[in-house]
């Protein structure tokens, strides 16, 4: 169950970071829009991987099985 909740959080973070990366990439105000967008896209994939793993590990500690 923890992995599913983590996956849900990871997918939400993934979508949010990808949308933000797209906005920054098209922004004229950013100093290095392509570099910043690349870092955000990498962070989105890390989110998608780390949150389900963390949920799988942490949920049993919280529930107390």
Protein backbone atom coordinates (compact mmCIF):
# COMPACT_ATOMS: atom_id res chain seq x y z
CA UNK A 1 0.00 0.00 0.00
CA UNK A 2 2.86 2.35 0.79
CA UNK A 3 4.38 1.78 -2.64
CA UNK A 4 1.07 2.69 -4.28
CA UNK A 5 0.79 5.91 -2.30
CA UNK A 6 4.41 6.66 -3.13
CA UNK A 7 3.74 5.96 -6.80
CA UNK A 8 0.80 8.34 -6.74
CA UNK A 9 2.96 11.05 -5.14
CA UNK A 10 5.75 10.30 -7.63
CA UNK A 11 3.44 10.59 -10.62
CA UNK A 12 2.03 13.89 -9.35
CA UNK A 13 5.54 15.23 -8.81
CA UNK A 14 6.63 13.92 -12.21
CA UNK A 15 3.81 15.70 -14.01
CA UNK A 16 4.32 18.92 -12.06
CA UNK A 17 8.07 19.04 -12.66
CA UNK A 18 7.70 18.25 -16.36
CA UNK A 19 5.14 21.04 -16.77
CA UNK A 20 7.41 23.44 -14.90
CA UNK A 21 10.38 22.43 -17.07
CA UNK A 22 8.34 23.18 -20.19
CA UNK A 23 7.41 26.61 -18.88
CA UNK A 24 10.96 27.47 -17.90
CA UNK A 25 12.30 26.28 -21.24
CA UNK A 26 10.04 28.72 -23.08
CA UNK A 27 10.64 31.54 -20.59
CA UNK A 28 12.72 34.52 -21.64
CA UNK A 29 13.54 35.53 -18.03
CA UNK A 30 15.65 32.50 -17.05
CA UNK A 31 19.45 32.74 -17.29
CA UNK A 32 19.90 29.20 -18.68
CA UNK A 33 16.44 27.87 -19.55
CA UNK A 34 17.65 24.71 -21.31
CA UNK A 35 19.93 23.70 -18.44
CA UNK A 36 17.32 24.40 -15.80
CA UNK A 37 14.68 22.45 -17.74
CA UNK A 38 17.08 19.51 -18.11
CA UNK A 39 17.73 19.42 -14.35
CA UNK A 40 13.98 19.55 -13.62
CA UNK A 41 13.32 16.68 -16.02
CA UNK A 42 16.00 14.59 -14.31
CA UNK A 43 14.47 15.43 -10.93
CA UNK A 44 11.07 14.34 -12.29
CA UNK A 45 12.39 10.88 -13.13
CA UNK A 46 14.13 10.61 -9.75
CA UNK A 47 10.82 11.52 -8.10
CA UNK A 48 9.09 8.77 -10.04
CA UNK A 49 11.61 6.20 -8.81
CA UNK A 50 12.32 7.33 -5.23
CA UNK A 51 8.77 7.94 -3.94
CA UNK A 52 7.44 4.39 -4.49
CA UNK A 53 10.59 2.90 -2.96
CA UNK A 54 10.37 5.23 0.03
CA UNK A 55 6.68 4.42 0.45
CA UNK A 56 7.41 0.70 0.36
CA UNK A 57 10.09 1.06 3.04
CA UNK A 58 8.49 3.68 5.29
CA UNK A 59 4.85 2.50 5.31
CA UNK A 60 5.47 -0.63 7.41
CA UNK A 61 7.34 1.50 9.95
CA UNK A 62 4.42 3.90 10.27
CA UNK A 63 1.69 1.24 10.35
CA UNK A 64 3.66 -0.81 12.86
CA UNK A 65 3.35 -4.32 11.50
